[in-house]
Amino acid sequence: MQVQHLCETPIILFGEIWTSLLLWLETEVMPRRLFERHDMYAIFHVMEPSEVVDLIIKIHKERPKTENVCRNFSKYRVKGED
């Protein structure tokens, strides 16, 4: 996203609770150019548990086919963690 530390990792927001956040992003944050519309591409807002499962399965199946899979996991490791 903005800080470019997420390597095309989908963000799944489950449930109605996230509706207000998404509306706030669109009405308050984006007009101030603190968040771009294209940053929303990785956000998936779903309402049903089956949609979450279907989305995870689809993403998992497609992920190895993409070129932009984050492979630099050592960058995010806590010192002493192996």
C-alpha atoms as a PDB file:
ATOM      1  CA  MET A   1       0.000   0.000   0.000  1.00  0.00           C
ATOM      2  CA  GLN A   2       1.240   3.498   0.756  1.00  0.00           C
ATOM      3  CA  VAL A   3       4.485   2.471   2.393  1.00  0.00           C
ATOM      4  CA  GLN A   4       5.015  -0.246  -0.215  1.00  0.00           C
ATOM      5  CA  HIS A   5       5.881  -2.874   2.385  1.00  0.00           C
ATOM      6  CA  LEU A   6       2.986  -5.120   1.415  1.00  0.00           C
ATOM      7  CA  CYS A   7       3.931  -7.248  -1.540  1.00  0.00           C
ATOM      8  CA  GLU A   8       0.596  -7.439  -3.305  1.00  0.00           C
ATOM      9  CA  THR A   9      -0.968  -9.019  -0.259  1.00  0.00           C
ATOM     10  CA  PRO A  10      -4.755  -8.971  -0.343  1.00  0.00           C
ATOM     11  CA  ILE A  11      -6.523  -7.415   2.611  1.00  0.00           C
ATOM     12  CA  ILE A  12      -9.806  -9.150   3.365  1.00  0.00           C
ATOM     13  CA  LEU A  13     -12.256  -7.149   5.453  1.00  0.00           C
ATOM     14  CA  PHE A  14     -15.058  -9.381   6.706  1.00  0.00           C
ATOM     15  CA  GLY A  15     -18.386  -8.021   7.827  1.00  0.00           C
ATOM     16  CA  GLU A  16     -20.412  -4.867   8.068  1.00  0.00           C
ATOM     17  CA  ILE A  17     -18.055  -3.380  10.669  1.00  0.00           C
ATOM     18  CA  TRP A  18     -15.654  -2.292   7.879  1.00  0.00           C
ATOM     19  CA  THR A  19     -18.217  -0.375   5.815  1.00  0.00           C
ATOM     20  CA  SER A  20     -17.689   2.862   7.749  1.00  0.00           C
ATOM     21  CA  LEU A  21     -13.912   2.615   7.411  1.00  0.00           C
ATOM     22  CA  LEU A  22     -14.141   2.205   3.643  1.00  0.00           C
ATOM     23  CA  LEU A  23     -16.586   5.087   3.371  1.00  0.00           C
ATOM     24  CA  TRP A  24     -14.252   7.257   5.478  1.00  0.00           C
ATOM     25  CA  LEU A  25     -11.303   6.363   3.219  1.00  0.00           C
ATOM     26  CA  GLU A  26     -13.285   7.405   0.153  1.00  0.00           C
ATOM     27  CA  THR A  27     -14.860  10.577   1.547  1.00  0.00           C
ATOM     28  CA  GLU A  28     -12.184  11.958   3.881  1.00  0.00           C
ATOM     29  CA  VAL A  29      -8.795  10.416   3.204  1.00  0.00           C
ATOM     30  CA  MET A  30      -8.729  10.119  -0.597  1.00  0.00           C
ATOM     31  CA  PRO A  31      -9.798  13.744  -1.233  1.00  0.00           C
ATOM     32  CA  ARG A  32      -6.814  14.822   0.874  1.00  0.00           C
ATOM     33  CA  ARG A  33      -4.573  12.641  -1.294  1.00  0.00           C
ATOM     34  CA  LEU A  34      -3.425  10.616   1.710  1.00  0.00           C
ATOM     35  CA  PHE A  35      -4.684   7.403   0.122  1.00  0.00           C
ATOM     36  CA  GLU A  36      -5.058   6.756  -3.596  1.00  0.00           C
ATOM     37  CA  ARG A  37      -7.895   4.944  -5.340  1.00  0.00           C
ATOM     38  CA  HIS A  38      -5.421   2.414  -6.768  1.00  0.00           C
ATOM     39  CA  ASP A  39      -4.445   1.524  -3.188  1.00  0.00           C
ATOM     40  CA  MET A  40      -7.930   0.072  -2.810  1.00  0.00           C
ATOM     41  CA  TYR A  41      -7.273  -2.687  -5.357  1.00  0.00           C
ATOM     42  CA  ALA A  42      -5.943  -5.043  -2.686  1.00  0.00           C
ATOM     43  CA  ILE A  43      -8.888  -4.516  -0.321  1.00  0.00           C
ATOM     44  CA  PHE A  44     -11.718  -7.030  -0.517  1.00  0.00           C
ATOM     45  CA  HIS A  45     -14.823  -6.305   1.542  1.00  0.00           C
ATOM     46  CA  VAL A  46     -17.018  -9.393   1.915  1.00  0.00           C
ATOM     47  CA  MET A  47     -20.067 -10.139   4.019  1.00  0.00           C
ATOM     48  CA  GLU A  48     -20.329 -13.931   4.039  1.00  0.00           C
ATOM     49  CA  PRO A  49     -17.900 -16.484   5.507  1.00  0.00           C
ATOM     50  CA  SER A  50     -18.153 -18.503   2.301  1.00  0.00           C
ATOM     51  CA  GLU A  51     -16.946 -15.449   0.349  1.00  0.00           C
ATOM     52  CA  VAL A  52     -13.875 -15.236   2.589  1.00  0.00           C
ATOM     53  CA  VAL A  53     -13.070 -18.912   2.036  1.00  0.00           C
ATOM     54  CA  ASP A  54     -13.658 -18.691  -1.730  1.00  0.00           C
ATOM     55  CA  LEU A  55     -11.459 -15.620  -1.981  1.00  0.00           C
ATOM     56  CA  ILE A  56      -8.612 -17.193  -0.007  1.00  0.00           C
ATOM     57  CA  ILE A  57      -8.751 -20.346  -2.117  1.00  0.00           C
ATOM     58  CA  LYS A  58      -8.766 -18.340  -5.357  1.00  0.00           C
ATOM     59  CA  ILE A  59      -5.876 -16.119  -4.240  1.00  0.00           C
ATOM     60  CA  HIS A  60      -3.868 -19.103  -3.028  1.00  0.00           C
ATOM     61  CA  LYS A  61      -4.321 -20.924  -6.356  1.00  0.00           C
ATOM     62  CA  GLU A  62      -3.361 -17.861  -8.411  1.00  0.00           C
ATOM     63  CA  ARG A  63      -0.496 -16.620  -6.275  1.00  0.00           C
ATOM     64  CA  PRO A  64       2.268 -18.892  -7.622  1.00  0.00           C
ATOM     65  CA  LYS A  65       1.396 -17.732 -11.151  1.00  0.00           C
ATOM     66  CA  THR A  66       2.031 -14.070 -10.406  1.00  0.00           C
ATOM     67  CA  GLU A  67       5.379 -12.398 -10.843  1.00  0.00           C
ATOM     68  CA  ASN A  68       5.097 -10.104  -7.835  1.00  0.00           C
ATOM     69  CA  VAL A  69       5.047 -12.587  -4.996  1.00  0.00           C
ATOM     70  CA  CYS A  70       6.947 -11.219  -2.022  1.00  0.00           C
ATOM     71  CA  ARG A  71       9.928 -13.460  -1.486  1.00  0.00           C
ATOM     72  CA  ASN A  72      11.947 -11.249   0.843  1.00  0.00           C
ATOM     73  CA  PHE A  73      10.425 -12.550   4.067  1.00  0.00           C
ATOM     74  CA  SER A  74      13.719 -12.104   5.943  1.00  0.00           C
ATOM     75  CA  LYS A  75      13.106  -8.357   5.728  1.00  0.00           C
ATOM     76  CA  TYR A  76      10.177  -8.753   8.142  1.00  0.00           C
ATOM     77  CA  ARG A  77      11.655 -11.274  10.580  1.00  0.00           C
ATOM     78  CA  VAL A  78      12.221 -10.383  14.197  1.00  0.00           C
ATOM     79  CA  LYS A  79      15.879 -10.717  15.208  1.00  0.00           C
ATOM     80  CA  GLY A  80      16.513 -14.225  16.552  1.00  0.00           C
ATOM     81  CA  GLU A  81      13.481 -15.699  14.774  1.00  0.00           C
ATOM     82  CA  ASP A  82      14.213 -18.527  12.334  1.00  0.00           C
END
